Amino acid sequence: MSAVTAPRRRARDTEHAPQQPNHLQVVEAPPKKHTLAYALSIVVLLGAATFGAVSLNALAAAAAVETRTLDAQVADSERLYAQLVADVAALEDPARIRDAATDLGLEPASSVRHLTVERNLPADGVPAPTETPERTPDPLKPLLSAER
């Protein structure tokens, strides 16, 4: 076995190497960190956020209960309205009215006459009919038929 020696450094290489300045300096003490104040502020912030979320959830639940109550009232009112409409329709039935009139002692008309009414009122712009000797016009009629 043979050993090879490592080449020696030349003095020139060390002369051209940059000189490192001394980096050691005296510094002041590091500023105090307010870890306790930071932790307390984070706890308060998280507590406020949690309280806000719970409060909003409670308000939403209360609104949901109120909505359900109002929906039930609307359904009941619609059901009552439908029942009342049916009751009115039953009361307006001509057969029921005829039976009620018969129970009161009324009799059906033997003959039917149709009347045609002419509207000759001052409010319509039509002149009032002239007075006839057999009929005297009502003195309040022009007052009642005047436009309001």
N, C-alpha and C. Protein backbone atom coordinates (compact mmCIF):
# COMPACT_ATOMS: atom_id res chain seq x y z
N MET A 1 0.80 -1.15 0.00
CA MET A 1 0.00 0.00 0.00
C MET A 1 0.86 1.24 0.00
N SER A 2 0.24 2.19 -0.68
CA SER A 2 1.02 3.43 -0.75
C SER A 2 0.16 4.56 -0.21
N ALA A 3 0.75 5.50 0.35
CA ALA A 3 0.04 6.64 0.91
C ALA A 3 0.39 7.88 0.11
N VAL A 4 -0.62 8.63 -0.19
CA VAL A 4 -0.41 9.86 -0.93
C VAL A 4 -0.69 10.99 0.04
N THR A 5 0.19 11.90 0.08
CA THR A 5 0.00 13.01 1.00
C THR A 5 -0.88 14.07 0.34
N ALA A 6 -1.64 14.74 1.14
CA ALA A 6 -2.53 15.78 0.64
C ALA A 6 -1.70 17.02 0.32
N PRO A 7 -2.07 17.72 -0.74
CA PRO A 7 -1.31 18.93 -1.06
C PRO A 7 -1.48 19.97 0.05
N ARG A 8 -0.45 20.69 0.23
CA ARG A 8 -0.42 21.69 1.26
C ARG A 8 -1.07 22.96 0.77
N ARG A 9 -1.71 23.64 1.67
CA ARG A 9 -2.30 24.90 1.28
C ARG A 9 -1.20 25.93 1.09
N ARG A 10 -1.49 26.69 0.16
CA ARG A 10 -0.51 27.73 -0.11
C ARG A 10 -0.80 28.94 0.75
N ALA A 11 0.11 29.68 0.99
CA ALA A 11 -0.02 30.87 1.80
C ALA A 11 -0.79 31.94 1.05
N ARG A 12 -0.72 31.90 -0.25
CA ARG A 12 -1.43 32.89 -1.04
C ARG A 12 -2.94 32.73 -0.90
N ASP A 13 -3.42 31.50 -0.82
CA ASP A 13 -4.86 31.27 -0.70
C ASP A 13 -5.40 31.87 0.60
N THR A 14 -4.69 31.80 1.65
CA THR A 14 -5.15 32.35 2.90
C THR A 14 -5.05 33.86 2.92
N GLU A 15 -4.16 34.41 2.14
CA GLU A 15 -4.02 35.85 2.11
C GLU A 15 -5.18 36.51 1.40
N HIS A 16 -5.70 35.88 0.40
CA HIS A 16 -6.80 36.45 -0.38
C HIS A 16 -8.18 36.15 0.21
N ALA A 17 -8.27 35.37 1.24
CA ALA A 17 -9.56 35.05 1.87
C ALA A 17 -10.10 36.31 2.54
N PRO A 18 -11.42 36.56 2.38
CA PRO A 18 -11.97 37.77 2.98
C PRO A 18 -11.92 37.67 4.50
N GLN A 19 -11.68 38.78 5.09
CA GLN A 19 -11.61 38.86 6.54
C GLN A 19 -13.04 38.98 7.10
N GLN A 20 -13.40 38.18 8.02
CA GLN A 20 -14.71 38.21 8.64
C GLN A 20 -14.69 39.23 9.77
N PRO A 21 -15.64 40.21 9.73
CA PRO A 21 -15.64 41.16 10.83
C PRO A 21 -16.21 40.51 12.09
N ASN A 22 -15.91 41.13 13.18
CA ASN A 22 -16.39 40.61 14.46
C ASN A 22 -17.87 40.97 14.60
N HIS A 23 -18.78 39.96 14.66
CA HIS A 23 -20.21 40.18 14.70
C HIS A 23 -20.76 40.26 16.11
N LEU A 24 -19.99 40.14 17.06
CA LEU A 24 -20.48 40.18 18.42
C LEU A 24 -20.67 41.63 18.85
N GLN A 25 -21.90 41.92 19.31
CA GLN A 25 -22.21 43.27 19.77
C GLN A 25 -22.99 43.19 21.06
N VAL A 26 -22.98 44.26 21.82
CA VAL A 26 -23.77 44.32 23.04
C VAL A 26 -25.17 44.79 22.66
N VAL A 27 -26.18 44.02 23.06
CA VAL A 27 -27.56 44.37 22.75
C VAL A 27 -28.32 44.58 24.04
N GLU A 28 -29.45 45.27 23.89
CA GLU A 28 -30.30 45.50 25.05
C GLU A 28 -31.11 44.24 25.35
N ALA A 29 -31.68 44.23 26.52
CA ALA A 29 -32.52 43.09 26.91
C ALA A 29 -33.75 43.04 26.00
N PRO A 30 -34.23 41.85 25.62
CA PRO A 30 -35.41 41.76 24.74
C PRO A 30 -36.62 42.36 25.45
N PRO A 31 -37.52 42.97 24.64
CA PRO A 31 -38.71 43.57 25.27
C PRO A 31 -39.58 42.49 25.90
N LYS A 32 -40.26 42.88 26.97
CA LYS A 32 -41.13 41.93 27.66
C LYS A 32 -42.32 41.60 26.78
N LYS A 33 -42.62 40.36 26.67
CA LYS A 33 -43.81 39.93 25.94
C LYS A 33 -44.96 39.86 26.93
N HIS A 34 -46.13 40.37 26.50
CA HIS A 34 -47.31 40.37 27.36
C HIS A 34 -48.15 39.15 27.04
N THR A 35 -47.65 38.02 27.35
CA THR A 35 -48.31 36.76 27.02
C THR A 35 -49.63 36.62 27.77
N LEU A 36 -49.67 37.02 29.02
CA LEU A 36 -50.89 36.88 29.81
C LEU A 36 -51.99 37.79 29.24
N ALA A 37 -51.64 39.03 28.90
CA ALA A 37 -52.64 39.94 28.34
C ALA A 37 -53.13 39.44 26.98
N TYR A 38 -52.22 38.91 26.18
CA TYR A 38 -52.59 38.36 24.88
C TYR A 38 -53.53 37.16 25.06
N ALA A 39 -53.21 36.28 25.97
CA ALA A 39 -54.03 35.10 26.21
C ALA A 39 -55.41 35.50 26.74
N LEU A 40 -55.45 36.47 27.65
CA LEU A 40 -56.75 36.92 28.17
C LEU A 40 -57.59 37.57 27.08
N SER A 41 -56.96 38.36 26.22
CA SER A 41 -57.74 38.99 25.14
C SER A 41 -58.27 37.94 24.17
N ILE A 42 -57.52 36.91 23.89
CA ILE A 42 -57.99 35.81 23.02
C ILE A 42 -59.15 35.08 23.69
N VAL A 43 -59.06 34.84 24.99
CA VAL A 43 -60.13 34.14 25.71
C VAL A 43 -61.39 34.99 25.70
N VAL A 44 -61.26 36.30 25.93
CA VAL A 44 -62.43 37.18 25.93
C VAL A 44 -63.05 37.23 24.54
N LEU A 45 -62.21 37.32 23.52
CA LEU A 45 -62.71 37.36 22.13
C LEU A 45 -63.45 36.07 21.78
N LEU A 46 -62.89 34.93 22.12
CA LEU A 46 -63.55 33.65 21.84
C LEU A 46 -64.84 33.51 22.67
N GLY A 47 -64.83 34.00 23.91
CA GLY A 47 -66.04 33.95 24.73
C GLY A 47 -67.14 34.82 24.13
N ALA A 48 -66.78 36.01 23.66
CA ALA A 48 -67.77 36.90 23.04
C ALA A 48 -68.33 36.28 21.76
N ALA A 49 -67.45 35.65 20.96
CA ALA A 49 -67.92 35.01 19.73
C ALA A 49 -68.86 33.85 20.05
N THR A 50 -68.54 33.07 21.06
CA THR A 50 -69.40 31.95 21.45
C THR A 50 -70.74 32.45 21.98
N PHE A 51 -70.69 33.49 22.83
CA PHE A 51 -71.93 34.06 23.35
C PHE A 51 -72.79 34.61 22.22
N GLY A 52 -72.17 35.28 21.25
CA GLY A 52 -72.92 35.80 20.10
C GLY A 52 -73.56 34.69 19.28
N ALA A 53 -72.83 33.62 19.05
CA ALA A 53 -73.37 32.50 18.26
C ALA A 53 -74.53 31.84 19.00
N VAL A 54 -74.39 31.65 20.31
CA VAL A 54 -75.47 31.04 21.09
C VAL A 54 -76.69 31.96 21.12
N SER A 55 -76.46 33.26 21.27
CA SER A 55 -77.58 34.21 21.29
C SER A 55 -78.33 34.21 19.96
N LEU A 56 -77.60 34.24 18.86
CA LEU A 56 -78.25 34.21 17.55
C LEU A 56 -79.02 32.91 17.34
N ASN A 57 -78.47 31.82 17.82
CA ASN A 57 -79.16 30.53 17.69
C ASN A 57 -80.45 30.53 18.52
N ALA A 58 -80.39 31.13 19.71
CA ALA A 58 -81.60 31.20 20.55
C ALA A 58 -82.66 32.09 19.90
N LEU A 59 -82.23 33.20 19.33
CA LEU A 59 -83.18 34.08 18.65
C LEU A 59 -83.81 33.39 17.43
N ALA A 60 -83.00 32.65 16.70
CA ALA A 60 -83.53 31.92 15.54
C ALA A 60 -84.53 30.85 15.98
N ALA A 61 -84.24 30.18 17.09
CA ALA A 61 -85.17 29.17 17.60
C ALA A 61 -86.48 29.81 18.04
N ALA A 62 -86.40 30.97 18.70
CA ALA A 62 -87.62 31.66 19.13
C ALA A 62 -88.44 32.10 17.93
N ALA A 63 -87.76 32.59 16.89
CA ALA A 63 -88.48 33.00 15.67
C ALA A 63 -89.11 31.80 14.99
N ALA A 64 -88.45 30.65 15.03
CA ALA A 64 -89.03 29.44 14.43
C ALA A 64 -90.29 29.01 15.18
N VAL A 65 -90.25 29.10 16.50
CA VAL A 65 -91.43 28.73 17.29
C VAL A 65 -92.58 29.69 16.99
N GLU A 66 -92.27 30.99 16.91
CA GLU A 66 -93.31 31.96 16.61
C GLU A 66 -93.88 31.74 15.21
N THR A 67 -93.02 31.41 14.25
CA THR A 67 -93.48 31.13 12.89
C THR A 67 -94.39 29.92 12.86
N ARG A 68 -94.01 28.89 13.60
CA ARG A 68 -94.85 27.68 13.64
C ARG A 68 -96.21 28.00 14.26
N THR A 69 -96.22 28.82 15.31
CA THR A 69 -97.48 29.21 15.95
C THR A 69 -98.36 30.01 14.98
N LEU A 70 -97.74 30.96 14.27
CA LEU A 70 -98.50 31.76 13.32
C LEU A 70 -99.01 30.91 12.16
N ASP A 71 -98.22 29.96 11.70
CA ASP A 71 -98.68 29.07 10.63
C ASP A 71 -99.89 28.24 11.09
N ALA A 72 -99.85 27.79 12.35
CA ALA A 72 -100.99 27.03 12.88
C ALA A 72 -102.23 27.92 12.97
N GLN A 73 -102.05 29.19 13.38
CA GLN A 73 -103.18 30.11 13.45
C GLN A 73 -103.74 30.40 12.06
N VAL A 74 -102.85 30.54 11.07
CA VAL A 74 -103.32 30.78 9.69
C VAL A 74 -104.11 29.58 9.20
N ALA A 75 -103.61 28.37 9.47
CA ALA A 75 -104.33 27.17 9.03
C ALA A 75 -105.70 27.08 9.69
N ASP A 76 -105.76 27.38 10.99
CA ASP A 76 -107.05 27.36 11.70
C ASP A 76 -108.00 28.43 11.14
N SER A 77 -107.46 29.61 10.87
CA SER A 77 -108.30 30.69 10.32
C SER A 77 -108.81 30.34 8.92
N GLU A 78 -107.97 29.71 8.10
CA GLU A 78 -108.41 29.30 6.77
C GLU A 78 -109.51 28.24 6.86
N ARG A 79 -109.33 27.31 7.80
CA ARG A 79 -110.34 26.28 8.00
C ARG A 79 -111.66 26.90 8.47
N LEU A 80 -111.59 27.86 9.41
CA LEU A 80 -112.79 28.54 9.89
C LEU A 80 -113.45 29.33 8.77
N TYR A 81 -112.65 30.01 7.95
CA TYR A 81 -113.19 30.78 6.84
C TYR A 81 -113.92 29.87 5.85
N ALA A 82 -113.32 28.72 5.54
CA ALA A 82 -113.97 27.78 4.62
C ALA A 82 -115.28 27.28 5.21
N GLN A 83 -115.30 27.03 6.53
CA GLN A 83 -116.53 26.58 7.19
C GLN A 83 -117.59 27.67 7.15
N LEU A 84 -117.18 28.93 7.39
CA LEU A 84 -118.13 30.03 7.37
C LEU A 84 -118.68 30.27 5.96
N VAL A 85 -117.84 30.13 4.95
CA VAL A 85 -118.32 30.27 3.56
C VAL A 85 -119.34 29.18 3.26
N ALA A 86 -119.06 27.96 3.72
CA ALA A 86 -120.01 26.87 3.50
C ALA A 86 -121.32 27.13 4.25
N ASP A 87 -121.21 27.68 5.48
CA ASP A 87 -122.43 28.00 6.24
C ASP A 87 -123.26 29.08 5.55
N VAL A 88 -122.60 30.11 5.01
CA VAL A 88 -123.32 31.17 4.29
C VAL A 88 -123.99 30.61 3.05
N ALA A 89 -123.27 29.74 2.34
CA ALA A 89 -123.86 29.14 1.14
C ALA A 89 -125.09 28.30 1.50
N ALA A 90 -125.00 27.59 2.64
CA ALA A 90 -126.16 26.79 3.07
C ALA A 90 -127.33 27.70 3.48
N LEU A 91 -127.01 28.82 4.12
CA LEU A 91 -128.09 29.73 4.53
C LEU A 91 -128.71 30.46 3.35
N GLU A 92 -127.95 30.67 2.28
CA GLU A 92 -128.49 31.36 1.10
C GLU A 92 -129.21 30.41 0.14
N ASP A 93 -129.30 29.16 0.48
CA ASP A 93 -129.96 28.19 -0.41
C ASP A 93 -131.43 28.56 -0.56
N PRO A 94 -131.91 28.73 -1.81
CA PRO A 94 -133.31 29.11 -2.02
C PRO A 94 -134.31 28.10 -1.43
N ALA A 95 -134.00 26.83 -1.44
CA ALA A 95 -134.92 25.84 -0.87
C ALA A 95 -135.06 26.04 0.64
N ARG A 96 -133.98 26.35 1.33
CA ARG A 96 -134.04 26.59 2.76
C ARG A 96 -134.84 27.86 3.06
N ILE A 97 -134.65 28.89 2.23
CA ILE A 97 -135.40 30.14 2.42
C ILE A 97 -136.89 29.89 2.18
N ARG A 98 -137.23 29.10 1.17
CA ARG A 98 -138.63 28.78 0.88
C ARG A 98 -139.24 28.01 2.04
N ASP A 99 -138.48 27.04 2.59
CA ASP A 99 -138.99 26.27 3.74
C ASP A 99 -139.17 27.16 4.97
N ALA A 100 -138.23 28.08 5.20
CA ALA A 100 -138.35 28.99 6.36
C ALA A 100 -139.54 29.91 6.18
N ALA A 101 -139.78 30.38 4.96
CA ALA A 101 -140.95 31.25 4.70
C ALA A 101 -142.24 30.48 4.89
N THR A 102 -142.28 29.25 4.47
CA THR A 102 -143.48 28.42 4.65
C THR A 102 -143.73 28.18 6.15
N ASP A 103 -142.62 27.96 6.91
CA ASP A 103 -142.77 27.76 8.35
C ASP A 103 -143.32 29.01 9.04
N LEU A 104 -143.01 30.18 8.49
CA LEU A 104 -143.53 31.42 9.06
C LEU A 104 -144.96 31.71 8.64
N GLY A 105 -145.49 30.93 7.73
CA GLY A 105 -146.88 31.11 7.30
C GLY A 105 -147.00 31.86 5.99
N LEU A 106 -145.92 32.12 5.31
CA LEU A 106 -146.00 32.80 4.02
C LEU A 106 -146.37 31.79 2.95
N GLU A 107 -147.01 32.27 1.91
CA GLU A 107 -147.41 31.40 0.81
C GLU A 107 -146.72 31.86 -0.46
N PRO A 108 -146.46 30.96 -1.37
CA PRO A 108 -145.82 31.35 -2.62
C PRO A 108 -146.73 32.26 -3.43
N ALA A 109 -146.15 33.12 -4.22
CA ALA A 109 -146.94 34.05 -5.04
C ALA A 109 -147.65 33.28 -6.13
N SER A 110 -148.88 33.70 -6.41
CA SER A 110 -149.66 33.01 -7.45
C SER A 110 -149.21 33.46 -8.84
N SER A 111 -148.90 34.73 -8.97
CA SER A 111 -148.44 35.20 -10.27
C SER A 111 -147.21 36.07 -10.04
N VAL A 112 -146.36 36.10 -11.04
CA VAL A 112 -145.12 36.85 -10.92
C VAL A 112 -145.18 38.04 -11.85
N ARG A 113 -144.85 39.20 -11.31
CA ARG A 113 -144.81 40.40 -12.15
C ARG A 113 -143.40 40.96 -12.11
N HIS A 114 -142.98 41.50 -13.24
CA HIS A 114 -141.67 42.14 -13.32
C HIS A 114 -141.89 43.63 -13.44
N LEU A 115 -141.15 44.38 -12.68
CA LEU A 115 -141.25 45.83 -12.70
C LEU A 115 -140.05 46.41 -13.41
N THR A 116 -140.29 47.41 -14.22
CA THR A 116 -139.21 48.14 -14.86
C THR A 116 -139.20 49.53 -14.26
N VAL A 117 -138.07 49.89 -13.67
CA VAL A 117 -137.95 51.17 -12.99
C VAL A 117 -137.11 52.10 -13.85
N GLU A 118 -137.64 53.28 -14.10
CA GLU A 118 -136.88 54.28 -14.84
C GLU A 118 -136.20 55.18 -13.83
N ARG A 119 -134.97 55.46 -14.08
CA ARG A 119 -134.23 56.35 -13.18
C ARG A 119 -134.19 57.74 -13.79
N ASN A 120 -135.03 58.56 -13.38
CA ASN A 120 -135.02 59.95 -13.79
C ASN A 120 -134.69 60.78 -12.56
N LEU A 121 -133.43 60.79 -12.21
CA LEU A 121 -133.00 61.52 -11.03
C LEU A 121 -132.17 62.73 -11.45
N PRO A 122 -132.20 63.80 -10.69
CA PRO A 122 -131.38 64.96 -11.04
C PRO A 122 -129.89 64.64 -11.07
N ALA A 123 -129.43 63.68 -10.29
CA ALA A 123 -128.01 63.34 -10.29
C ALA A 123 -127.59 62.68 -11.60
N ASP A 124 -128.54 62.07 -12.32
CA ASP A 124 -128.23 61.43 -13.59
C ASP A 124 -128.20 62.42 -14.74
N GLY A 125 -128.58 63.65 -14.48
CA GLY A 125 -128.61 64.65 -15.54
C GLY A 125 -129.90 64.64 -16.33
N VAL A 126 -130.86 63.86 -15.89
CA VAL A 126 -132.15 63.79 -16.57
C VAL A 126 -133.11 64.70 -15.82
N PRO A 127 -133.84 65.53 -16.51
CA PRO A 127 -134.77 66.41 -15.79
C PRO A 127 -135.84 65.60 -15.08
N ALA A 128 -136.23 66.09 -13.93
CA ALA A 128 -137.26 65.42 -13.13
C ALA A 128 -138.60 65.51 -13.85
N PRO A 129 -139.43 64.50 -13.69
CA PRO A 129 -140.75 64.55 -14.34
C PRO A 129 -141.58 65.68 -13.75
N THR A 130 -142.43 66.19 -14.58
CA THR A 130 -143.30 67.28 -14.11
C THR A 130 -144.31 66.74 -13.14
N GLU A 131 -144.77 67.62 -12.29
CA GLU A 131 -145.74 67.20 -11.28
C GLU A 131 -147.08 66.89 -11.94
N THR A 132 -147.66 65.85 -11.48
CA THR A 132 -149.00 65.48 -11.95
C THR A 132 -149.97 65.69 -10.81
N PRO A 133 -151.21 66.01 -11.09
CA PRO A 133 -152.14 66.30 -10.00
C PRO A 133 -152.40 65.10 -9.10
N GLU A 134 -152.36 63.89 -9.63
CA GLU A 134 -152.68 62.76 -8.75
C GLU A 134 -151.49 62.33 -7.90
N ARG A 135 -150.25 62.81 -8.23
CA ARG A 135 -149.08 62.38 -7.46
C ARG A 135 -148.20 63.59 -7.16
N THR A 136 -147.84 63.76 -5.89
CA THR A 136 -146.95 64.85 -5.50
C THR A 136 -145.56 64.26 -5.27
N PRO A 137 -144.52 64.84 -5.87
CA PRO A 137 -143.18 64.27 -5.67
C PRO A 137 -142.70 64.46 -4.24
N ASP A 138 -141.86 63.57 -3.83
CA ASP A 138 -141.29 63.61 -2.48
C ASP A 138 -140.30 64.77 -2.40
N PRO A 139 -140.43 65.67 -1.41
CA PRO A 139 -139.52 66.82 -1.33
C PRO A 139 -138.09 66.44 -1.00
N LEU A 140 -137.83 65.27 -0.39
CA LEU A 140 -136.47 64.87 -0.03
C LEU A 140 -135.76 64.11 -1.14
N LYS A 141 -136.48 63.68 -2.15
CA LYS A 141 -135.88 62.88 -3.20
C LYS A 141 -134.73 63.58 -3.90
N PRO A 142 -134.85 64.86 -4.29
CA PRO A 142 -133.70 65.50 -4.93
C PRO A 142 -132.49 65.61 -3.99
N LEU A 143 -132.72 65.75 -2.70
CA LEU A 143 -131.60 65.85 -1.76
C LEU A 143 -130.89 64.51 -1.59
N LEU A 144 -131.65 63.45 -1.57
CA LEU A 144 -131.08 62.14 -1.37
C LEU A 144 -130.36 61.61 -2.60
N SER A 145 -130.80 62.04 -3.79
CA SER A 145 -130.20 61.50 -4.99
C SER A 145 -129.04 62.36 -5.50
N ALA A 146 -128.76 63.48 -4.86
CA ALA A 146 -127.67 64.35 -5.32
C ALA A 146 -126.33 63.64 -5.11
N GLU A 147 -125.41 63.95 -5.99
CA GLU A 147 -124.07 63.32 -5.86
C GLU A 147 -123.39 63.83 -4.61
N ARG A 148 -122.62 62.98 -4.04
CA ARG A 148 -121.93 63.34 -2.80
C ARG A 148 -120.53 63.79 -3.09
